[in-house]
Amino acid sequence: MNNSYNEKTHTLIKQLFNKFSPKAPGFAYIASFDRGVTYKGTVGLASIEKNLPITTKNIFNIASVSKQF
């Protein structure tokens, strides 16, 4: 991957996720390109009551949501 593209993409991702409050319910994200995982991170809390941040080790219960469209 081109270094200038890589740096620009990383900057855009950081700007996007900096808009979210670190004290709000959170989420994990991952961006993958030709060579596998390029960016991964978390934003916000896994537990508001316990003030526990989400980490890349958290396990999420998810389901397919694309079929509803």
PDB file of N, CA and C in Angstrom:
ATOM      1  N   MET A   1       0.850  -1.181   0.000  1.00  0.00           N
ATOM      2  CA  MET A   1       0.000   0.000   0.000  1.00  0.00           C
ATOM      3  C   MET A   1       0.891   1.239   0.000  1.00  0.00           C
ATOM      4  N   ASN A   2       0.549   2.224  -0.762  1.00  0.00           N
ATOM      5  CA  ASN A   2       1.268   3.482  -0.855  1.00  0.00           C
ATOM      6  C   ASN A   2       1.312   4.162   0.508  1.00  0.00           C
ATOM      7  N   ASN A   3       2.504   4.629   0.945  1.00  0.00           N
ATOM      8  CA  ASN A   3       2.642   5.248   2.263  1.00  0.00           C
ATOM      9  C   ASN A   3       1.791   6.493   2.429  1.00  0.00           C
ATOM     10  N   SER A   4       1.728   7.354   1.393  1.00  0.00           N
ATOM     11  CA  SER A   4       0.919   8.566   1.517  1.00  0.00           C
ATOM     12  C   SER A   4      -0.563   8.215   1.636  1.00  0.00           C
ATOM     13  N   TYR A   5      -0.996   7.187   0.906  1.00  0.00           N
ATOM     14  CA  TYR A   5      -2.377   6.718   1.023  1.00  0.00           C
ATOM     15  C   TYR A   5      -2.615   6.169   2.419  1.00  0.00           C
ATOM     16  N   ASN A   6      -1.684   5.388   2.922  1.00  0.00           N
ATOM     17  CA  ASN A   6      -1.782   4.790   4.241  1.00  0.00           C
ATOM     18  C   ASN A   6      -1.890   5.865   5.319  1.00  0.00           C
ATOM     19  N   GLU A   7      -1.041   6.877   5.261  1.00  0.00           N
ATOM     20  CA  GLU A   7      -1.060   7.958   6.247  1.00  0.00           C
ATOM     21  C   GLU A   7      -2.349   8.771   6.146  1.00  0.00           C
ATOM     22  N   LYS A   8      -2.785   9.055   4.926  1.00  0.00           N
ATOM     23  CA  LYS A   8      -4.021   9.822   4.735  1.00  0.00           C
ATOM     24  C   LYS A   8      -5.221   9.047   5.274  1.00  0.00           C
ATOM     25  N   THR A   9      -5.277   7.766   4.983  1.00  0.00           N
ATOM     26  CA  THR A   9      -6.372   6.929   5.471  1.00  0.00           C
ATOM     27  C   THR A   9      -6.362   6.871   6.989  1.00  0.00           C
ATOM     28  N   HIS A  10      -5.194   6.688   7.578  1.00  0.00           N
ATOM     29  CA  HIS A  10      -5.074   6.628   9.039  1.00  0.00           C
ATOM     30  C   HIS A  10      -5.549   7.940   9.665  1.00  0.00           C
ATOM     31  N   THR A  11      -5.171   9.064   9.083  1.00  0.00           N
ATOM     32  CA  THR A  11      -5.598  10.374   9.586  1.00  0.00           C
ATOM     33  C   THR A  11      -7.113  10.519   9.503  1.00  0.00           C
ATOM     34  N   LEU A  12      -7.707  10.109   8.391  1.00  0.00           N
ATOM     35  CA  LEU A  12      -9.163  10.200   8.239  1.00  0.00           C
ATOM     36  C   LEU A  12      -9.895   9.321   9.245  1.00  0.00           C
ATOM     37  N   ILE A  13      -9.388   8.122   9.475  1.00  0.00           N
ATOM     38  CA  ILE A  13     -10.002   7.218  10.458  1.00  0.00           C
ATOM     39  C   ILE A  13      -9.927   7.829  11.849  1.00  0.00           C
ATOM     40  N   LYS A  14      -8.772   8.370  12.222  1.00  0.00           N
ATOM     41  CA  LYS A  14      -8.624   9.000  13.540  1.00  0.00           C
ATOM     42  C   LYS A  14      -9.573  10.179  13.697  1.00  0.00           C
ATOM     43  N   GLN A  15      -9.690  11.017  12.660  1.00  0.00           N
ATOM     44  CA  GLN A  15     -10.594  12.165  12.723  1.00  0.00           C
ATOM     45  C   GLN A  15     -12.040  11.727  12.898  1.00  0.00           C
ATOM     46  N   LEU A  16     -12.437  10.690  12.186  1.00  0.00           N
ATOM     47  CA  LEU A  16     -13.803  10.188  12.283  1.00  0.00           C
ATOM     48  C   LEU A  16     -14.110   9.699  13.691  1.00  0.00           C
ATOM     49  N   PHE A  17     -13.249   8.861  14.241  1.00  0.00           N
ATOM     50  CA  PHE A  17     -13.540   8.256  15.532  1.00  0.00           C
ATOM     51  C   PHE A  17     -13.269   9.176  16.717  1.00  0.00           C
ATOM     52  N   ASN A  18     -12.516  10.251  16.527  1.00  0.00           N
ATOM     53  CA  ASN A  18     -12.320  11.227  17.596  1.00  0.00           C
ATOM     54  C   ASN A  18     -13.595  12.012  17.884  1.00  0.00           C
ATOM     55  N   LYS A  19     -14.584  11.926  16.996  1.00  0.00           N
ATOM     56  CA  LYS A  19     -15.857  12.627  17.199  1.00  0.00           C
ATOM     57  C   LYS A  19     -16.741  11.928  18.233  1.00  0.00           C
ATOM     58  N   PHE A  20     -16.434  10.678  18.556  1.00  0.00           N
ATOM     59  CA  PHE A  20     -17.234   9.909  19.500  1.00  0.00           C
ATOM     60  C   PHE A  20     -16.718  10.097  20.918  1.00  0.00           C
ATOM     61  N   SER A  21     -17.625  10.165  21.866  1.00  0.00           N
ATOM     62  CA  SER A  21     -17.254  10.340  23.266  1.00  0.00           C
ATOM     63  C   SER A  21     -16.654   9.061  23.837  1.00  0.00           C
ATOM     64  N   PRO A  22     -15.531   9.173  24.540  1.00  0.00           N
ATOM     65  CA  PRO A  22     -14.931   7.988  25.168  1.00  0.00           C
ATOM     66  C   PRO A  22     -15.749   7.476  26.355  1.00  0.00           C
ATOM     67  N   LYS A  23     -16.741   8.241  26.804  1.00  0.00           N
ATOM     68  CA  LYS A  23     -17.573   7.841  27.947  1.00  0.00           C
ATOM     69  C   LYS A  23     -18.949   7.336  27.527  1.00  0.00           C
ATOM     70  N   ALA A  24     -19.189   7.211  26.238  1.00  0.00           N
ATOM     71  CA  ALA A  24     -20.467   6.716  25.713  1.00  0.00           C
ATOM     72  C   ALA A  24     -20.360   5.217  25.431  1.00  0.00           C
ATOM     73  N   PRO A  25     -21.500   4.540  25.229  1.00  0.00           N
ATOM     74  CA  PRO A  25     -21.430   3.136  24.806  1.00  0.00           C
ATOM     75  C   PRO A  25     -20.549   3.048  23.560  1.00  0.00           C
ATOM     76  N   GLY A  26     -19.727   2.043  23.516  1.00  0.00           N
ATOM     77  CA  GLY A  26     -18.698   2.016  22.489  1.00  0.00           C
ATOM     78  C   GLY A  26     -18.827   0.942  21.436  1.00  0.00           C
ATOM     79  N   PHE A  27     -17.784   0.841  20.646  1.00  0.00           N
ATOM     80  CA  PHE A  27     -17.717  -0.135  19.559  1.00  0.00           C
ATOM     81  C   PHE A  27     -16.257  -0.394  19.206  1.00  0.00           C
ATOM     82  N   ALA A  28     -16.056  -1.481  18.507  1.00  0.00           N
ATOM     83  CA  ALA A  28     -14.736  -1.815  17.974  1.00  0.00           C
ATOM     84  C   ALA A  28     -14.795  -1.674  16.465  1.00  0.00           C
ATOM     85  N   TYR A  29     -13.676  -1.348  15.852  1.00  0.00           N
ATOM     86  CA  TYR A  29     -13.642  -1.229  14.403  1.00  0.00           C
ATOM     87  C   TYR A  29     -12.381  -1.878  13.844  1.00  0.00           C
ATOM     88  N   ILE A  30     -12.476  -2.233  12.582  1.00  0.00           N
ATOM     89  CA  ILE A  30     -11.342  -2.817  11.873  1.00  0.00           C
ATOM     90  C   ILE A  30     -11.433  -2.394  10.413  1.00  0.00           C
ATOM     91  N   ALA A  31     -10.303  -2.091   9.827  1.00  0.00           N
ATOM     92  CA  ALA A  31     -10.230  -1.789   8.395  1.00  0.00           C
ATOM     93  C   ALA A  31      -9.227  -2.750   7.784  1.00  0.00           C
ATOM     94  N   SER A  32      -9.634  -3.377   6.716  1.00  0.00           N
ATOM     95  CA  SER A  32      -8.790  -4.382   6.074  1.00  0.00           C
ATOM     96  C   SER A  32      -8.612  -4.035   4.603  1.00  0.00           C
ATOM     97  N   PHE A  33      -7.392  -4.131   4.146  1.00  0.00           N
ATOM     98  CA  PHE A  33      -7.082  -3.866   2.749  1.00  0.00           C
ATOM     99  C   PHE A  33      -6.371  -5.073   2.161  1.00  0.00           C
ATOM    100  N   ASP A  34      -5.654  -4.892   1.097  1.00  0.00           N
ATOM    101  CA  ASP A  34      -5.005  -5.991   0.375  1.00  0.00           C
ATOM    102  C   ASP A  34      -4.124  -6.881   1.243  1.00  0.00           C
ATOM    103  N   ARG A  35      -3.448  -6.308   2.179  1.00  0.00           N
ATOM    104  CA  ARG A  35      -2.481  -7.070   2.976  1.00  0.00           C
ATOM    105  C   ARG A  35      -3.002  -7.424   4.359  1.00  0.00           C
ATOM    106  N   GLY A  36      -4.282  -7.537   4.514  1.00  0.00           N
ATOM    107  CA  GLY A  36      -4.849  -7.922   5.805  1.00  0.00           C
ATOM    108  C   GLY A  36      -5.257  -6.724   6.635  1.00  0.00           C
ATOM    109  N   VAL A  37      -5.303  -6.915   7.931  1.00  0.00           N
ATOM    110  CA  VAL A  37      -5.749  -5.879   8.856  1.00  0.00           C
ATOM    111  C   VAL A  37      -4.761  -4.721   8.833  1.00  0.00           C
ATOM    112  N   THR A  38      -5.284  -3.534   8.572  1.00  0.00           N
ATOM    113  CA  THR A  38      -4.451  -2.346   8.520  1.00  0.00           C
ATOM    114  C   THR A  38      -4.672  -1.473   9.741  1.00  0.00           C
ATOM    115  N   TYR A  39      -5.920  -1.326  10.142  1.00  0.00           N
ATOM    116  CA  TYR A  39      -6.262  -0.514  11.300  1.00  0.00           C
ATOM    117  C   TYR A  39      -7.247  -1.278  12.162  1.00  0.00           C
ATOM    118  N   LYS A  40      -7.086  -1.163  13.472  1.00  0.00           N
ATOM    119  CA  LYS A  40      -8.099  -1.683  14.385  1.00  0.00           C
ATOM    120  C   LYS A  40      -8.056  -0.838  15.637  1.00  0.00           C
ATOM    121  N   GLY A  41      -9.195  -0.744  16.279  1.00  0.00           N
ATOM    122  CA  GLY A  41      -9.251   0.056  17.485  1.00  0.00           C
ATOM    123  C   GLY A  41     -10.616  -0.015  18.126  1.00  0.00           C
ATOM    124  N   THR A  42     -10.754   0.742  19.184  1.00  0.00           N
ATOM    125  CA  THR A  42     -12.006   0.786  19.924  1.00  0.00           C
ATOM    126  C   THR A  42     -12.300   2.221  20.329  1.00  0.00           C
ATOM    127  N   VAL A  43     -13.566   2.474  20.582  1.00  0.00           N
ATOM    128  CA  VAL A  43     -14.015   3.775  21.051  1.00  0.00           C
ATOM    129  C   VAL A  43     -15.094   3.534  22.085  1.00  0.00           C
ATOM    130  N   GLY A  44     -15.023   4.209  23.214  1.00  0.00           N
ATOM    131  CA  GLY A  44     -16.100   4.164  24.190  1.00  0.00           C
ATOM    132  C   GLY A  44     -15.995   3.060  25.220  1.00  0.00           C
ATOM    133  N   LEU A  45     -17.115   2.860  25.902  1.00  0.00           N
ATOM    134  CA  LEU A  45     -17.159   1.957  27.046  1.00  0.00           C
ATOM    135  C   LEU A  45     -17.886   0.650  26.750  1.00  0.00           C
ATOM    136  N   ALA A  46     -17.365  -0.419  27.317  1.00  0.00           N
ATOM    137  CA  ALA A  46     -18.039  -1.719  27.276  1.00  0.00           C
ATOM    138  C   ALA A  46     -19.107  -1.767  28.355  1.00  0.00           C
ATOM    139  N   SER A  47     -18.842  -1.110  29.486  1.00  0.00           N
ATOM    140  CA  SER A  47     -19.802  -1.048  30.590  1.00  0.00           C
ATOM    141  C   SER A  47     -19.822   0.368  31.147  1.00  0.00           C
ATOM    142  N   ILE A  48     -20.949   1.041  30.970  1.00  0.00           N
ATOM    143  CA  ILE A  48     -21.085   2.389  31.506  1.00  0.00           C
ATOM    144  C   ILE A  48     -21.130   2.346  33.027  1.00  0.00           C
ATOM    145  N   GLU A  49     -21.853   1.353  33.577  1.00  0.00           N
ATOM    146  CA  GLU A  49     -21.996   1.238  35.027  1.00  0.00           C
ATOM    147  C   GLU A  49     -20.648   1.052  35.724  1.00  0.00           C
ATOM    148  N   LYS A  50     -19.772   0.258  35.117  1.00  0.00           N
ATOM    149  CA  LYS A  50     -18.464  -0.034  35.721  1.00  0.00           C
ATOM    150  C   LYS A  50     -17.342   0.824  35.138  1.00  0.00           C
ATOM    151  N   ASN A  51     -17.685   1.700  34.199  1.00  0.00           N
ATOM    152  CA  ASN A  51     -16.719   2.574  33.539  1.00  0.00           C
ATOM    153  C   ASN A  51     -15.569   1.781  32.907  1.00  0.00           C
ATOM    154  N   LEU A  52     -15.920   0.650  32.266  1.00  0.00           N
ATOM    155  CA  LEU A  52     -14.921  -0.212  31.634  1.00  0.00           C
ATOM    156  C   LEU A  52     -14.838   0.086  30.141  1.00  0.00           C
ATOM    157  N   PRO A  53     -13.661   0.405  29.644  1.00  0.00           N
ATOM    158  CA  PRO A  53     -13.526   0.676  28.217  1.00  0.00           C
ATOM    159  C   PRO A  53     -13.585  -0.598  27.383  1.00  0.00           C
ATOM    160  N   ILE A  54     -14.011  -0.452  26.155  1.00  0.00           N
ATOM    161  CA  ILE A  54     -13.957  -1.566  25.208  1.00  0.00           C
ATOM    162  C   ILE A  54     -12.501  -1.770  24.814  1.00  0.00           C
ATOM    163  N   THR A  55     -12.106  -3.021  24.657  1.00  0.00           N
ATOM    164  CA  THR A  55     -10.766  -3.343  24.165  1.00  0.00           C
ATOM    165  C   THR A  55     -10.902  -4.210  22.918  1.00  0.00           C
ATOM    166  N   THR A  56      -9.800  -4.438  22.256  1.00  0.00           N
ATOM    167  CA  THR A  56      -9.831  -5.307  21.078  1.00  0.00           C
ATOM    168  C   THR A  56     -10.007  -6.764  21.467  1.00  0.00           C
ATOM    169  N   LYS A  57     -10.016  -7.062  22.761  1.00  0.00           N
ATOM    170  CA  LYS A  57     -10.219  -8.432  23.250  1.00  0.00           C
ATOM    171  C   LYS A  57     -11.679  -8.715  23.604  1.00  0.00           C
ATOM    172  N   ASN A  58     -12.546  -7.676  23.626  1.00  0.00           N
ATOM    173  CA  ASN A  58     -13.959  -7.884  23.938  1.00  0.00           C
ATOM    174  C   ASN A  58     -14.623  -8.773  22.894  1.00  0.00           C
ATOM    175  N   ILE A  59     -15.581  -9.566  23.340  1.00  0.00           N
ATOM    176  CA  ILE A  59     -16.359 -10.430  22.454  1.00  0.00           C
ATOM    177  C   ILE A  59     -17.755  -9.829  22.328  1.00  0.00           C
ATOM    178  N   PHE A  60     -18.241  -9.720  21.099  1.00  0.00           N
ATOM    179  CA  PHE A  60     -19.545  -9.125  20.839  1.00  0.00           C
ATOM    180  C   PHE A  60     -20.495 -10.175  20.282  1.00  0.00           C
ATOM    181  N   ASN A  61     -21.743 -10.133  20.729  1.00  0.00           N
ATOM    182  CA  ASN A  61     -22.793 -10.961  20.140  1.00  0.00           C
ATOM    183  C   ASN A  61     -23.371 -10.172  18.977  1.00  0.00           C
ATOM    184  N   ILE A  62     -23.157 -10.662  17.771  1.00  0.00           N
ATOM    185  CA  ILE A  62     -23.665  -9.955  16.595  1.00  0.00           C
ATOM    186  C   ILE A  62     -24.465 -10.918  15.732  1.00  0.00           C
ATOM    187  N   ALA A  63     -25.270 -10.345  14.878  1.00  0.00           N
ATOM    188  CA  ALA A  63     -26.067 -11.143  13.946  1.00  0.00           C
ATOM    189  C   ALA A  63     -26.069 -10.430  12.606  1.00  0.00           C
ATOM    190  N   SER A  64     -26.488 -11.124  11.599  1.00  0.00           N
ATOM    191  CA  SER A  64     -26.576 -10.522  10.276  1.00  0.00           C
ATOM    192  C   SER A  64     -27.716  -9.515  10.261  1.00  0.00           C
ATOM    193  N   VAL A  65     -27.417  -8.312   9.819  1.00  0.00           N
ATOM    194  CA  VAL A  65     -28.457  -7.289   9.730  1.00  0.00           C
ATOM    195  C   VAL A  65     -28.757  -6.914   8.283  1.00  0.00           C
ATOM    196  N   SER A  66     -28.040  -7.485   7.338  1.00  0.00           N
ATOM    197  CA  SER A  66     -28.233  -7.099   5.941  1.00  0.00           C
ATOM    198  C   SER A  66     -29.507  -7.674   5.329  1.00  0.00           C
ATOM    199  N   LYS A  67     -30.030  -8.752   5.870  1.00  0.00           N
ATOM    200  CA  LYS A  67     -31.202  -9.403   5.276  1.00  0.00           C
ATOM    201  C   LYS A  67     -32.492  -8.597   5.455  1.00  0.00           C
ATOM    202  N   GLN A  68     -32.504  -7.665   6.361  1.00  0.00           N
ATOM    203  CA  GLN A  68     -33.718  -6.893   6.585  1.00  0.00           C
ATOM    204  C   GLN A  68     -33.954  -5.848   5.493  1.00  0.00           C
ATOM    205  N   PHE A  69     -32.976  -5.619   4.642  1.00  0.00           N
ATOM    206  CA  PHE A  69     -33.125  -4.596   3.601  1.00  0.00           C
ATOM    207  C   PHE A  69     -33.558  -5.193   2.328  1.00  0.00           C
TER     208      PHE A  69
END
